[in-house]
Amino acid sequence: MLAILNGFHRRPGRGSLEEAHDLLRLLLTVAQQEGPMSPKADRLAKEIAARIPSEN
C-alpha cells in the first residue's frame, strides 16, 4: 500500500471533496487486491463513502 500512496500527493488547485474521491478510489483499488491491507482499505473506503457526497 505504501508504494501506491507514494504516487498520491496533494496537487495544487484541487478541492478537498475531489481529493476525498481520489482517496476513495485508491482505497477501493487496494481493497480489491489480495493482501494484508485489503480488509483495512475496504473498511476505510466504506467509512469515507458514507461521509462524502457522490461524484455524480
N, C-alpha and C. Protein backbone atom coordinates (compact mmCIF):
# COMPACT_ATOMS: atom_id res chain seq x y z
N MET A 1 0.83 -1.19 0.00
CA MET A 1 0.00 0.00 0.00
C MET A 1 0.87 1.25 0.00
N LEU A 2 2.00 1.22 0.67
CA LEU A 2 2.86 2.40 0.70
C LEU A 2 3.34 2.78 -0.68
N ALA A 3 3.60 1.79 -1.53
CA ALA A 3 4.03 2.09 -2.89
C ALA A 3 2.95 2.85 -3.64
N ILE A 4 1.71 2.49 -3.44
CA ILE A 4 0.60 3.20 -4.10
C ILE A 4 0.46 4.60 -3.53
N LEU A 5 0.58 4.74 -2.22
CA LEU A 5 0.43 6.04 -1.59
C LEU A 5 1.53 7.01 -1.98
N ASN A 6 2.70 6.50 -2.34
CA ASN A 6 3.78 7.39 -2.76
C ASN A 6 3.37 8.20 -3.98
N GLY A 7 2.52 7.66 -4.83
CA GLY A 7 2.05 8.39 -6.01
C GLY A 7 0.88 9.30 -5.73
N PHE A 8 0.33 9.24 -4.55
CA PHE A 8 -0.83 10.06 -4.17
C PHE A 8 -0.34 11.25 -3.36
N HIS A 9 -0.38 12.40 -3.96
CA HIS A 9 0.09 13.59 -3.26
C HIS A 9 -0.85 14.74 -3.55
N ARG A 10 -0.78 15.75 -2.75
CA ARG A 10 -1.64 16.92 -2.90
C ARG A 10 -1.22 17.70 -4.14
N ARG A 11 -2.18 17.93 -5.02
CA ARG A 11 -1.94 18.71 -6.22
C ARG A 11 -2.59 20.07 -6.06
N PRO A 12 -1.87 21.15 -6.36
CA PRO A 12 -2.42 22.50 -6.20
C PRO A 12 -3.71 22.67 -6.99
N GLY A 13 -4.65 23.39 -6.38
CA GLY A 13 -5.89 23.73 -7.06
C GLY A 13 -6.98 22.69 -6.98
N ARG A 14 -6.75 21.60 -6.31
CA ARG A 14 -7.78 20.56 -6.20
C ARG A 14 -8.51 20.72 -4.89
N GLY A 15 -9.83 20.65 -4.93
CA GLY A 15 -10.65 20.81 -3.74
C GLY A 15 -10.61 19.59 -2.86
N SER A 16 -10.96 19.76 -1.62
CA SER A 16 -10.89 18.65 -0.68
C SER A 16 -11.89 17.54 -1.01
N LEU A 17 -13.05 17.89 -1.60
CA LEU A 17 -14.01 16.85 -1.99
C LEU A 17 -13.43 16.00 -3.11
N GLU A 18 -12.80 16.63 -4.08
CA GLU A 18 -12.18 15.89 -5.17
C GLU A 18 -11.06 15.00 -4.62
N GLU A 19 -10.31 15.50 -3.67
CA GLU A 19 -9.25 14.70 -3.04
C GLU A 19 -9.84 13.52 -2.29
N ALA A 20 -10.99 13.72 -1.65
CA ALA A 20 -11.65 12.63 -0.94
C ALA A 20 -12.06 11.53 -1.92
N HIS A 21 -12.55 11.92 -3.09
CA HIS A 21 -12.92 10.92 -4.10
C HIS A 21 -11.69 10.21 -4.64
N ASP A 22 -10.59 10.94 -4.80
CA ASP A 22 -9.33 10.30 -5.23
C ASP A 22 -8.88 9.26 -4.21
N LEU A 23 -8.95 9.63 -2.94
CA LEU A 23 -8.55 8.71 -1.88
C LEU A 23 -9.48 7.50 -1.84
N LEU A 24 -10.77 7.73 -2.03
CA LEU A 24 -11.73 6.63 -2.06
C LEU A 24 -11.40 5.65 -3.18
N ARG A 25 -11.10 6.17 -4.38
CA ARG A 25 -10.72 5.29 -5.49
C ARG A 25 -9.45 4.50 -5.16
N LEU A 26 -8.50 5.15 -4.54
CA LEU A 26 -7.26 4.48 -4.15
C LEU A 26 -7.53 3.35 -3.16
N LEU A 27 -8.33 3.64 -2.15
CA LEU A 27 -8.66 2.63 -1.14
C LEU A 27 -9.42 1.46 -1.76
N LEU A 28 -10.33 1.75 -2.69
CA LEU A 28 -11.07 0.67 -3.34
C LEU A 28 -10.15 -0.22 -4.17
N THR A 29 -9.15 0.38 -4.80
CA THR A 29 -8.17 -0.39 -5.56
C THR A 29 -7.39 -1.32 -4.64
N VAL A 30 -6.94 -0.81 -3.52
CA VAL A 30 -6.20 -1.61 -2.55
C VAL A 30 -7.10 -2.70 -1.97
N ALA A 31 -8.35 -2.37 -1.69
CA ALA A 31 -9.28 -3.33 -1.10
C ALA A 31 -9.54 -4.51 -2.03
N GLN A 32 -9.49 -4.28 -3.35
CA GLN A 32 -9.76 -5.34 -4.32
C GLN A 32 -8.57 -6.28 -4.50
N GLN A 33 -7.41 -5.89 -4.03
CA GLN A 33 -6.22 -6.73 -4.18
C GLN A 33 -6.14 -7.71 -3.02
N GLU A 34 -5.52 -8.81 -3.28
CA GLU A 34 -5.26 -9.77 -2.21
C GLU A 34 -4.05 -9.29 -1.42
N GLY A 35 -4.21 -9.05 -0.17
CA GLY A 35 -3.08 -8.61 0.62
C GLY A 35 -3.49 -8.26 2.04
N PRO A 36 -2.50 -8.04 2.89
CA PRO A 36 -2.78 -7.79 4.31
C PRO A 36 -3.51 -6.47 4.55
N MET A 37 -3.41 -5.52 3.63
CA MET A 37 -4.06 -4.22 3.83
C MET A 37 -5.48 -4.17 3.25
N SER A 38 -5.88 -5.21 2.52
CA SER A 38 -7.19 -5.22 1.87
C SER A 38 -8.36 -5.01 2.83
N PRO A 39 -8.44 -5.74 3.94
CA PRO A 39 -9.57 -5.54 4.84
C PRO A 39 -9.63 -4.12 5.43
N LYS A 40 -8.49 -3.58 5.80
CA LYS A 40 -8.47 -2.23 6.36
C LYS A 40 -8.84 -1.19 5.29
N ALA A 41 -8.33 -1.36 4.08
CA ALA A 41 -8.68 -0.45 3.00
C ALA A 41 -10.17 -0.50 2.70
N ASP A 42 -10.75 -1.68 2.73
CA ASP A 42 -12.18 -1.84 2.49
C ASP A 42 -12.98 -1.11 3.57
N ARG A 43 -12.58 -1.28 4.82
CA ARG A 43 -13.29 -0.62 5.93
C ARG A 43 -13.19 0.90 5.80
N LEU A 44 -11.99 1.41 5.50
CA LEU A 44 -11.81 2.85 5.36
C LEU A 44 -12.59 3.40 4.16
N ALA A 45 -12.61 2.66 3.06
CA ALA A 45 -13.36 3.09 1.88
C ALA A 45 -14.85 3.21 2.21
N LYS A 46 -15.37 2.26 2.95
CA LYS A 46 -16.79 2.30 3.33
C LYS A 46 -17.08 3.50 4.23
N GLU A 47 -16.18 3.77 5.16
CA GLU A 47 -16.37 4.91 6.06
C GLU A 47 -16.34 6.24 5.31
N ILE A 48 -15.39 6.37 4.39
CA ILE A 48 -15.28 7.61 3.61
C ILE A 48 -16.49 7.76 2.69
N ALA A 49 -16.88 6.68 2.01
CA ALA A 49 -18.02 6.73 1.09
C ALA A 49 -19.30 7.16 1.80
N ALA A 50 -19.44 6.76 3.06
CA ALA A 50 -20.64 7.12 3.81
C ALA A 50 -20.66 8.59 4.21
N ARG A 51 -19.51 9.26 4.14
CA ARG A 51 -19.43 10.63 4.64
C ARG A 51 -19.30 11.70 3.55
N ILE A 52 -19.11 11.28 2.30
CA ILE A 52 -18.94 12.28 1.24
C ILE A 52 -20.04 12.12 0.20
N PRO A 53 -20.44 13.22 -0.44
CA PRO A 53 -21.44 13.11 -1.50
C PRO A 53 -20.86 12.38 -2.71
N SER A 54 -21.73 11.80 -3.51
CA SER A 54 -21.27 11.09 -4.70
C SER A 54 -20.74 12.08 -5.73
N GLU A 55 -19.94 11.58 -6.66
CA GLU A 55 -19.35 12.43 -7.69
C GLU A 55 -20.39 12.86 -8.71
N ASN A 56 -21.42 12.07 -8.90
CA ASN A 56 -22.41 12.36 -9.95
C ASN A 56 -23.35 13.44 -9.56
